Amino acid sequence: MLRRLCLLLALFCFLSACQKNTGTSNQLKIAVIPKATTGAFWQTVYGGAVQAANDLGVQLIWVGTEREDQRSQQISIVDAQVAN
């Protein structure tokens, strides 16, 4: 569990460094892009991400595909979040 939390924190740090500041909001936005949004594991990851976002006072953006095998949609989601 600690390893997963560390990996999630590392992902938050990486994605926060990629976030563009448009000057319209001072609140940091962190996008979490899971491999899928369904399943017990990913729901647990979501719960941890929500808790971490609340603890840190950041806005959580949770976006992903419904199934893990939707690779082309996963790529599109990552591209869209990097562009934002």
PDB file of N, CA and C in Angstrom:
ATOM      1  N   MET A   1       0.827  -1.196   0.000  1.00  0.00           N
ATOM      2  CA  MET A   1       0.000   0.000   0.000  1.00  0.00           C
ATOM      3  C   MET A   1       0.870   1.257   0.000  1.00  0.00           C
ATOM      4  N   LEU A   2       1.955   1.225   0.776  1.00  0.00           N
ATOM      5  CA  LEU A   2       2.852   2.382   0.820  1.00  0.00           C
ATOM      6  C   LEU A   2       3.498   2.610  -0.539  1.00  0.00           C
ATOM      7  N   ARG A   3       3.833   1.519  -1.214  1.00  0.00           N
ATOM      8  CA  ARG A   3       4.446   1.649  -2.540  1.00  0.00           C
ATOM      9  C   ARG A   3       3.466   2.313  -3.510  1.00  0.00           C
ATOM     10  N   ARG A   4       2.200   1.898  -3.467  1.00  0.00           N
ATOM     11  CA  ARG A   4       1.193   2.509  -4.345  1.00  0.00           C
ATOM     12  C   ARG A   4       1.009   3.985  -4.038  1.00  0.00           C
ATOM     13  N   LEU A   5       1.017   4.328  -2.762  1.00  0.00           N
ATOM     14  CA  LEU A   5       0.868   5.725  -2.373  1.00  0.00           C
ATOM     15  C   LEU A   5       2.052   6.548  -2.881  1.00  0.00           C
ATOM     16  N   CYS A   6       3.247   5.990  -2.775  1.00  0.00           N
ATOM     17  CA  CYS A   6       4.441   6.689  -3.275  1.00  0.00           C
ATOM     18  C   CYS A   6       4.376   6.876  -4.790  1.00  0.00           C
ATOM     19  N   LEU A   7       3.925   5.830  -5.494  1.00  0.00           N
ATOM     20  CA  LEU A   7       3.793   5.944  -6.942  1.00  0.00           C
ATOM     21  C   LEU A   7       2.757   6.989  -7.324  1.00  0.00           C
ATOM     22  N   LEU A   8       1.661   7.021  -6.597  1.00  0.00           N
ATOM     23  CA  LEU A   8       0.624   8.014  -6.854  1.00  0.00           C
ATOM     24  C   LEU A   8       1.138   9.425  -6.591  1.00  0.00           C
ATOM     25  N   LEU A   9       1.883   9.594  -5.521  1.00  0.00           N
ATOM     26  CA  LEU A   9       2.465  10.899  -5.210  1.00  0.00           C
ATOM     27  C   LEU A   9       3.457  11.322  -6.290  1.00  0.00           C
ATOM     28  N   ALA A  10       4.258  10.369  -6.769  1.00  0.00           N
ATOM     29  CA  ALA A  10       5.207  10.685  -7.847  1.00  0.00           C
ATOM     30  C   ALA A  10       4.466  11.102  -9.110  1.00  0.00           C
ATOM     31  N   LEU A  11       3.352  10.425  -9.399  1.00  0.00           N
ATOM     32  CA  LEU A  11       2.542  10.793 -10.554  1.00  0.00           C
ATOM     33  C   LEU A  11       1.977  12.197 -10.389  1.00  0.00           C
ATOM     34  N   PHE A  12       1.492  12.522  -9.199  1.00  0.00           N
ATOM     35  CA  PHE A  12       0.982  13.871  -8.921  1.00  0.00           C
ATOM     36  C   PHE A  12       2.066  14.919  -9.169  1.00  0.00           C
ATOM     37  N   CYS A  13       3.263  14.644  -8.673  1.00  0.00           N
ATOM     38  CA  CYS A  13       4.359  15.612  -8.848  1.00  0.00           C
ATOM     39  C   CYS A  13       4.689  15.799 -10.323  1.00  0.00           C
ATOM     40  N   PHE A  14       4.751  14.701 -11.052  1.00  0.00           N
ATOM     41  CA  PHE A  14       5.059  14.777 -12.476  1.00  0.00           C
ATOM     42  C   PHE A  14       3.996  15.565 -13.228  1.00  0.00           C
ATOM     43  N   LEU A  15       2.745  15.232 -12.978  1.00  0.00           N
ATOM     44  CA  LEU A  15       1.671  15.915 -13.697  1.00  0.00           C
ATOM     45  C   LEU A  15       1.534  17.375 -13.291  1.00  0.00           C
ATOM     46  N   SER A  16       1.834  17.691 -12.043  1.00  0.00           N
ATOM     47  CA  SER A  16       1.742  19.092 -11.634  1.00  0.00           C
ATOM     48  C   SER A  16       2.830  19.923 -12.303  1.00  0.00           C
ATOM     49  N   ALA A  17       3.959  19.319 -12.594  1.00  0.00           N
ATOM     50  CA  ALA A  17       5.019  20.031 -13.298  1.00  0.00           C
ATOM     51  C   ALA A  17       4.636  20.296 -14.750  1.00  0.00           C
ATOM     52  N   CYS A  18       3.752  19.479 -15.292  1.00  0.00           N
ATOM     53  CA  CYS A  18       3.308  19.630 -16.682  1.00  0.00           C
ATOM     54  C   CYS A  18       2.140  20.592 -16.833  1.00  0.00           C
ATOM     55  N   GLN A  19       1.550  21.010 -15.742  1.00  0.00           N
ATOM     56  CA  GLN A  19       0.358  21.855 -15.788  1.00  0.00           C
ATOM     57  C   GLN A  19       0.710  23.268 -16.251  1.00  0.00           C
ATOM     58  N   LYS A  20      -0.009  23.754 -17.260  1.00  0.00           N
ATOM     59  CA  LYS A  20       0.168  25.127 -17.721  1.00  0.00           C
ATOM     60  C   LYS A  20      -0.590  26.075 -16.803  1.00  0.00           C
ATOM     61  N   ASN A  21      -0.031  27.218 -16.526  1.00  0.00           N
ATOM     62  CA  ASN A  21      -0.711  28.229 -15.724  1.00  0.00           C
ATOM     63  C   ASN A  21      -1.273  29.276 -16.675  1.00  0.00           C
ATOM     64  N   THR A  22      -2.584  29.346 -16.767  1.00  0.00           N
ATOM     65  CA  THR A  22      -3.219  30.303 -17.675  1.00  0.00           C
ATOM     66  C   THR A  22      -3.485  31.641 -17.001  1.00  0.00           C
ATOM     67  N   GLY A  23      -3.238  31.716 -15.716  1.00  0.00           N
ATOM     68  CA  GLY A  23      -3.457  32.961 -15.009  1.00  0.00           C
ATOM     69  C   GLY A  23      -4.893  33.172 -14.566  1.00  0.00           C
ATOM     70  N   THR A  24      -5.796  32.247 -14.902  1.00  0.00           N
ATOM     71  CA  THR A  24      -7.193  32.430 -14.537  1.00  0.00           C
ATOM     72  C   THR A  24      -7.517  31.864 -13.164  1.00  0.00           C
ATOM     73  N   SER A  25      -6.690  30.984 -12.652  1.00  0.00           N
ATOM     74  CA  SER A  25      -6.960  30.375 -11.361  1.00  0.00           C
ATOM     75  C   SER A  25      -5.652  30.112 -10.642  1.00  0.00           C
ATOM     76  N   ASN A  26      -5.661  30.333  -9.328  1.00  0.00           N
ATOM     77  CA  ASN A  26      -4.463  30.074  -8.545  1.00  0.00           C
ATOM     78  C   ASN A  26      -4.412  28.647  -8.033  1.00  0.00           C
ATOM     79  N   GLN A  27      -5.523  27.917  -8.145  1.00  0.00           N
ATOM     80  CA  GLN A  27      -5.559  26.559  -7.641  1.00  0.00           C
ATOM     81  C   GLN A  27      -4.864  25.610  -8.620  1.00  0.00           C
ATOM     82  N   LEU A  28      -3.961  24.812  -8.090  1.00  0.00           N
ATOM     83  CA  LEU A  28      -3.237  23.842  -8.890  1.00  0.00           C
ATOM     84  C   LEU A  28      -4.173  22.724  -9.317  1.00  0.00           C
ATOM     85  N   LYS A  29      -4.079  22.322 -10.571  1.00  0.00           N
ATOM     86  CA  LYS A  29      -4.883  21.227 -11.100  1.00  0.00           C
ATOM     87  C   LYS A  29      -3.961  20.049 -11.375  1.00  0.00           C
ATOM     88  N   ILE A  30      -4.382  18.875 -10.926  1.00  0.00           N
ATOM     89  CA  ILE A  30      -3.598  17.672 -11.156  1.00  0.00           C
ATOM     90  C   ILE A  30      -4.480  16.660 -11.859  1.00  0.00           C
ATOM     91  N   ALA A  31      -4.047  16.228 -13.032  1.00  0.00           N
ATOM     92  CA  ALA A  31      -4.785  15.223 -13.785  1.00  0.00           C
ATOM     93  C   ALA A  31      -4.236  13.842 -13.442  1.00  0.00           C
ATOM     94  N   VAL A  32      -5.135  12.955 -13.083  1.00  0.00           N
ATOM     95  CA  VAL A  32      -4.784  11.567 -12.855  1.00  0.00           C
ATOM     96  C   VAL A  32      -5.455  10.770 -13.955  1.00  0.00           C
ATOM     97  N   ILE A  33      -4.653  10.035 -14.709  1.00  0.00           N
ATOM     98  CA  ILE A  33      -5.163   9.271 -15.837  1.00  0.00           C
ATOM     99  C   ILE A  33      -4.903   7.796 -15.547  1.00  0.00           C
ATOM    100  N   PRO A  34      -5.908   7.107 -15.017  1.00  0.00           N
ATOM    101  CA  PRO A  34      -5.730   5.678 -14.738  1.00  0.00           C
ATOM    102  C   PRO A  34      -5.819   4.872 -16.029  1.00  0.00           C
ATOM    103  N   LYS A  35      -5.334   3.658 -15.974  1.00  0.00           N
ATOM    104  CA  LYS A  35      -5.433   2.772 -17.131  1.00  0.00           C
ATOM    105  C   LYS A  35      -6.895   2.439 -17.433  1.00  0.00           C
ATOM    106  N   ALA A  36      -7.742   2.434 -16.407  1.00  0.00           N
ATOM    107  CA  ALA A  36      -9.185   2.220 -16.556  1.00  0.00           C
ATOM    108  C   ALA A  36      -9.870   2.877 -15.363  1.00  0.00           C
ATOM    109  N   THR A  37     -11.145   3.157 -15.504  1.00  0.00           N
ATOM    110  CA  THR A  37     -11.874   3.788 -14.401  1.00  0.00           C
ATOM    111  C   THR A  37     -12.767   2.809 -13.665  1.00  0.00           C
ATOM    112  N   THR A  38     -12.835   1.597 -14.149  1.00  0.00           N
ATOM    113  CA  THR A  38     -13.659   0.580 -13.490  1.00  0.00           C
ATOM    114  C   THR A  38     -12.767  -0.430 -12.789  1.00  0.00           C
ATOM    115  N   GLY A  39     -13.352  -1.212 -11.939  1.00  0.00           N
ATOM    116  CA  GLY A  39     -12.608  -2.231 -11.206  1.00  0.00           C
ATOM    117  C   GLY A  39     -12.242  -1.744  -9.816  1.00  0.00           C
ATOM    118  N   ALA A  40     -12.131  -2.688  -8.916  1.00  0.00           N
ATOM    119  CA  ALA A  40     -11.864  -2.366  -7.511  1.00  0.00           C
ATOM    120  C   ALA A  40     -10.536  -1.647  -7.327  1.00  0.00           C
ATOM    121  N   PHE A  41      -9.507  -2.074  -8.042  1.00  0.00           N
ATOM    122  CA  PHE A  41      -8.197  -1.439  -7.887  1.00  0.00           C
ATOM    123  C   PHE A  41      -8.248   0.036  -8.262  1.00  0.00           C
ATOM    124  N   TRP A  42      -8.830   0.333  -9.430  1.00  0.00           N
ATOM    125  CA  TRP A  42      -8.855   1.718  -9.892  1.00  0.00           C
ATOM    126  C   TRP A  42      -9.775   2.582  -9.044  1.00  0.00           C
ATOM    127  N   GLN A  43     -10.814   2.011  -8.477  1.00  0.00           N
ATOM    128  CA  GLN A  43     -11.671   2.762  -7.570  1.00  0.00           C
ATOM    129  C   GLN A  43     -10.919   3.091  -6.275  1.00  0.00           C
ATOM    130  N   THR A  44     -10.048   2.175  -5.841  1.00  0.00           N
ATOM    131  CA  THR A  44      -9.210   2.447  -4.672  1.00  0.00           C
ATOM    132  C   THR A  44      -8.211   3.561  -4.981  1.00  0.00           C
ATOM    133  N   VAL A  45      -7.629   3.516  -6.168  1.00  0.00           N
ATOM    134  CA  VAL A  45      -6.705   4.584  -6.593  1.00  0.00           C
ATOM    135  C   VAL A  45      -7.447   5.917  -6.618  1.00  0.00           C
ATOM    136  N   TYR A  46      -8.668   5.914  -7.141  1.00  0.00           N
ATOM    137  CA  TYR A  46      -9.467   7.133  -7.179  1.00  0.00           C
ATOM    138  C   TYR A  46      -9.714   7.683  -5.777  1.00  0.00           C
ATOM    139  N   GLY A  47     -10.076   6.812  -4.860  1.00  0.00           N
ATOM    140  CA  GLY A  47     -10.301   7.251  -3.480  1.00  0.00           C
ATOM    141  C   GLY A  47      -9.059   7.880  -2.872  1.00  0.00           C
ATOM    142  N   GLY A  48      -7.894   7.288  -3.125  1.00  0.00           N
ATOM    143  CA  GLY A  48      -6.641   7.856  -2.626  1.00  0.00           C
ATOM    144  C   GLY A  48      -6.311   9.182  -3.284  1.00  0.00           C
ATOM    145  N   ALA A  49      -6.591   9.284  -4.574  1.00  0.00           N
ATOM    146  CA  ALA A  49      -6.336  10.535  -5.287  1.00  0.00           C
ATOM    147  C   ALA A  49      -7.222  11.661  -4.771  1.00  0.00           C
ATOM    148  N   VAL A  50      -8.482  11.353  -4.518  1.00  0.00           N
ATOM    149  CA  VAL A  50      -9.412  12.356  -3.979  1.00  0.00           C
ATOM    150  C   VAL A  50      -8.943  12.808  -2.597  1.00  0.00           C
ATOM    151  N   GLN A  51      -8.567  11.853  -1.769  1.00  0.00           N
ATOM    152  CA  GLN A  51      -8.101  12.198  -0.427  1.00  0.00           C
ATOM    153  C   GLN A  51      -6.833  13.049  -0.482  1.00  0.00           C
ATOM    154  N   ALA A  52      -5.896  12.669  -1.338  1.00  0.00           N
ATOM    155  CA  ALA A  52      -4.659  13.442  -1.467  1.00  0.00           C
ATOM    156  C   ALA A  52      -4.936  14.843  -2.002  1.00  0.00           C
ATOM    157  N   ALA A  53      -5.833  14.957  -2.979  1.00  0.00           N
ATOM    158  CA  ALA A  53      -6.164  16.270  -3.529  1.00  0.00           C
ATOM    159  C   ALA A  53      -6.796  17.161  -2.467  1.00  0.00           C
ATOM    160  N   ASN A  54      -7.683  16.584  -1.656  1.00  0.00           N
ATOM    161  CA  ASN A  54      -8.291  17.362  -0.574  1.00  0.00           C
ATOM    162  C   ASN A  54      -7.249  17.775   0.460  1.00  0.00           C
ATOM    163  N   ASP A  55      -6.363  16.861   0.813  1.00  0.00           N
ATOM    164  CA  ASP A  55      -5.316  17.168   1.788  1.00  0.00           C
ATOM    165  C   ASP A  55      -4.382  18.264   1.297  1.00  0.00           C
ATOM    166  N   LEU A  56      -4.091  18.265  -0.003  1.00  0.00           N
ATOM    167  CA  LEU A  56      -3.146  19.222  -0.568  1.00  0.00           C
ATOM    168  C   LEU A  56      -3.810  20.500  -1.073  1.00  0.00           C
ATOM    169  N   GLY A  57      -5.134  20.514  -1.123  1.00  0.00           N
ATOM    170  CA  GLY A  57      -5.842  21.699  -1.592  1.00  0.00           C
ATOM    171  C   GLY A  57      -5.691  21.942  -3.080  1.00  0.00           C
ATOM    172  N   VAL A  58      -5.670  20.871  -3.864  1.00  0.00           N
ATOM    173  CA  VAL A  58      -5.543  20.987  -5.309  1.00  0.00           C
ATOM    174  C   VAL A  58      -6.805  20.452  -5.963  1.00  0.00           C
ATOM    175  N   GLN A  59      -7.000  20.820  -7.212  1.00  0.00           N
ATOM    176  CA  GLN A  59      -8.151  20.314  -7.966  1.00  0.00           C
ATOM    177  C   GLN A  59      -7.742  19.027  -8.675  1.00  0.00           C
ATOM    178  N   LEU A  60      -8.526  17.989  -8.488  1.00  0.00           N
ATOM    179  CA  LEU A  60      -8.263  16.693  -9.107  1.00  0.00           C
ATOM    180  C   LEU A  60      -9.040  16.573 -10.406  1.00  0.00           C
ATOM    181  N   ILE A  61      -8.348  16.192 -11.455  1.00  0.00           N
ATOM    182  CA  ILE A  61      -8.987  15.875 -12.723  1.00  0.00           C
ATOM    183  C   ILE A  61      -8.781  14.377 -12.933  1.00  0.00           C
ATOM    184  N   TRP A  62      -9.850  13.602 -12.872  1.00  0.00           N
ATOM    185  CA  TRP A  62      -9.798  12.148 -13.004  1.00  0.00           C
ATOM    186  C   TRP A  62     -10.432  11.786 -14.335  1.00  0.00           C
ATOM    187  N   VAL A  63      -9.644  11.321 -15.270  1.00  0.00           N
ATOM    188  CA  VAL A  63     -10.172  10.981 -16.580  1.00  0.00           C
ATOM    189  C   VAL A  63      -9.437   9.755 -17.101  1.00  0.00           C
ATOM    190  N   GLY A  64     -10.209   8.811 -17.591  1.00  0.00           N
ATOM    191  CA  GLY A  64      -9.621   7.587 -18.110  1.00  0.00           C
ATOM    192  C   GLY A  64     -10.643   6.815 -18.918  1.00  0.00           C
ATOM    193  N   THR A  65     -10.201   5.711 -19.464  1.00  0.00           N
ATOM    194  CA  THR A  65     -11.094   4.858 -20.239  1.00  0.00           C
ATOM    195  C   THR A  65     -11.845   3.912 -19.317  1.00  0.00           C
ATOM    196  N   GLU A  66     -12.903   3.341 -19.836  1.00  0.00           N
ATOM    197  CA  GLU A  66     -13.685   2.406 -19.035  1.00  0.00           C
ATOM    198  C   GLU A  66     -12.957   1.078 -18.862  1.00  0.00           C
ATOM    199  N   ARG A  67     -12.268   0.641 -19.919  1.00  0.00           N
ATOM    200  CA  ARG A  67     -11.561  -0.644 -19.870  1.00  0.00           C
ATOM    201  C   ARG A  67     -10.072  -0.439 -20.117  1.00  0.00           C
ATOM    202  N   GLU A  68      -9.273  -1.360 -19.603  1.00  0.00           N
ATOM    203  CA  GLU A  68      -7.815  -1.262 -19.727  1.00  0.00           C
ATOM    204  C   GLU A  68      -7.309  -1.504 -21.139  1.00  0.00           C
ATOM    205  N   ASP A  69      -8.087  -2.125 -22.001  1.00  0.00           N
ATOM    206  CA  ASP A  69      -7.618  -2.455 -23.349  1.00  0.00           C
ATOM    207  C   ASP A  69      -7.943  -1.382 -24.392  1.00  0.00           C
ATOM    208  N   GLN A  70      -8.405  -0.224 -23.981  1.00  0.00           N
ATOM    209  CA  GLN A  70      -8.758   0.855 -24.905  1.00  0.00           C
ATOM    210  C   GLN A  70      -7.564   1.790 -25.110  1.00  0.00           C
ATOM    211  N   ARG A  71      -6.520   1.257 -25.728  1.00  0.00           N
ATOM    212  CA  ARG A  71      -5.246   1.964 -25.841  1.00  0.00           C
ATOM    213  C   ARG A  71      -5.329   3.263 -26.634  1.00  0.00           C
ATOM    214  N   SER A  72      -6.011   3.255 -27.752  1.00  0.00           N
ATOM    215  CA  SER A  72      -6.063   4.473 -28.569  1.00  0.00           C
ATOM    216  C   SER A  72      -6.783   5.595 -27.828  1.00  0.00           C
ATOM    217  N   GLN A  73      -7.826   5.258 -27.080  1.00  0.00           N
ATOM    218  CA  GLN A  73      -8.517   6.272 -26.289  1.00  0.00           C
ATOM    219  C   GLN A  73      -7.626   6.766 -25.147  1.00  0.00           C
ATOM    220  N   GLN A  74      -6.834   5.873 -24.556  1.00  0.00           N
ATOM    221  CA  GLN A  74      -5.915   6.270 -23.493  1.00  0.00           C
ATOM    222  C   GLN A  74      -4.902   7.283 -24.016  1.00  0.00           C
ATOM    223  N   ILE A  75      -4.391   7.033 -25.201  1.00  0.00           N
ATOM    224  CA  ILE A  75      -3.429   7.955 -25.812  1.00  0.00           C
ATOM    225  C   ILE A  75      -4.077   9.313 -26.057  1.00  0.00           C
ATOM    226  N   SER A  76      -5.309   9.302 -26.545  1.00  0.00           N
ATOM    227  CA  SER A  76      -6.022  10.557 -26.795  1.00  0.00           C
ATOM    228  C   SER A  76      -6.238  11.338 -25.500  1.00  0.00           C
ATOM    229  N   ILE A  77      -6.560  10.633 -24.432  1.00  0.00           N
ATOM    230  CA  ILE A  77      -6.768  11.298 -23.135  1.00  0.00           C
ATOM    231  C   ILE A  77      -5.486  11.946 -22.645  1.00  0.00           C
ATOM    232  N   VAL A  78      -4.371  11.221 -22.741  1.00  0.00           N
ATOM    233  CA  VAL A  78      -3.084  11.787 -22.306  1.00  0.00           C
ATOM    234  C   VAL A  78      -2.742  13.010 -23.159  1.00  0.00           C
ATOM    235  N   ASP A  79      -2.899  12.909 -24.472  1.00  0.00           N
ATOM    236  CA  ASP A  79      -2.610  14.039 -25.358  1.00  0.00           C
ATOM    237  C   ASP A  79      -3.460  15.256 -24.990  1.00  0.00           C
ATOM    238  N   ALA A  80      -4.732  15.028 -24.715  1.00  0.00           N
ATOM    239  CA  ALA A  80      -5.629  16.142 -24.371  1.00  0.00           C
ATOM    240  C   ALA A  80      -5.234  16.790 -23.059  1.00  0.00           C
ATOM    241  N   GLN A  81      -4.838  15.997 -22.072  1.00  0.00           N
ATOM    242  CA  GLN A  81      -4.460  16.561 -20.782  1.00  0.00           C
ATOM    243  C   GLN A  81      -3.126  17.303 -20.856  1.00  0.00           C
ATOM    244  N   VAL A  82      -2.209  16.809 -21.663  1.00  0.00           N
ATOM    245  CA  VAL A  82      -0.931  17.509 -21.840  1.00  0.00           C
ATOM    246  C   VAL A  82      -1.164  18.842 -22.538  1.00  0.00           C
ATOM    247  N   ALA A  83      -2.087  18.864 -23.495  1.00  0.00           N
ATOM    248  CA  ALA A  83      -2.392  20.096 -24.230  1.00  0.00           C
ATOM    249  C   ALA A  83      -3.067  21.132 -23.343  1.00  0.00           C
ATOM    250  N   ASN A  84      -3.761  20.679 -22.304  1.00  0.00           N
ATOM    251  CA  ASN A  84      -4.438  21.622 -21.409  1.00  0.00           C
ATOM    252  C   ASN A  84      -3.460  22.084 -20.386  1.00  0.00           C
TER     253      ASN A  84
END
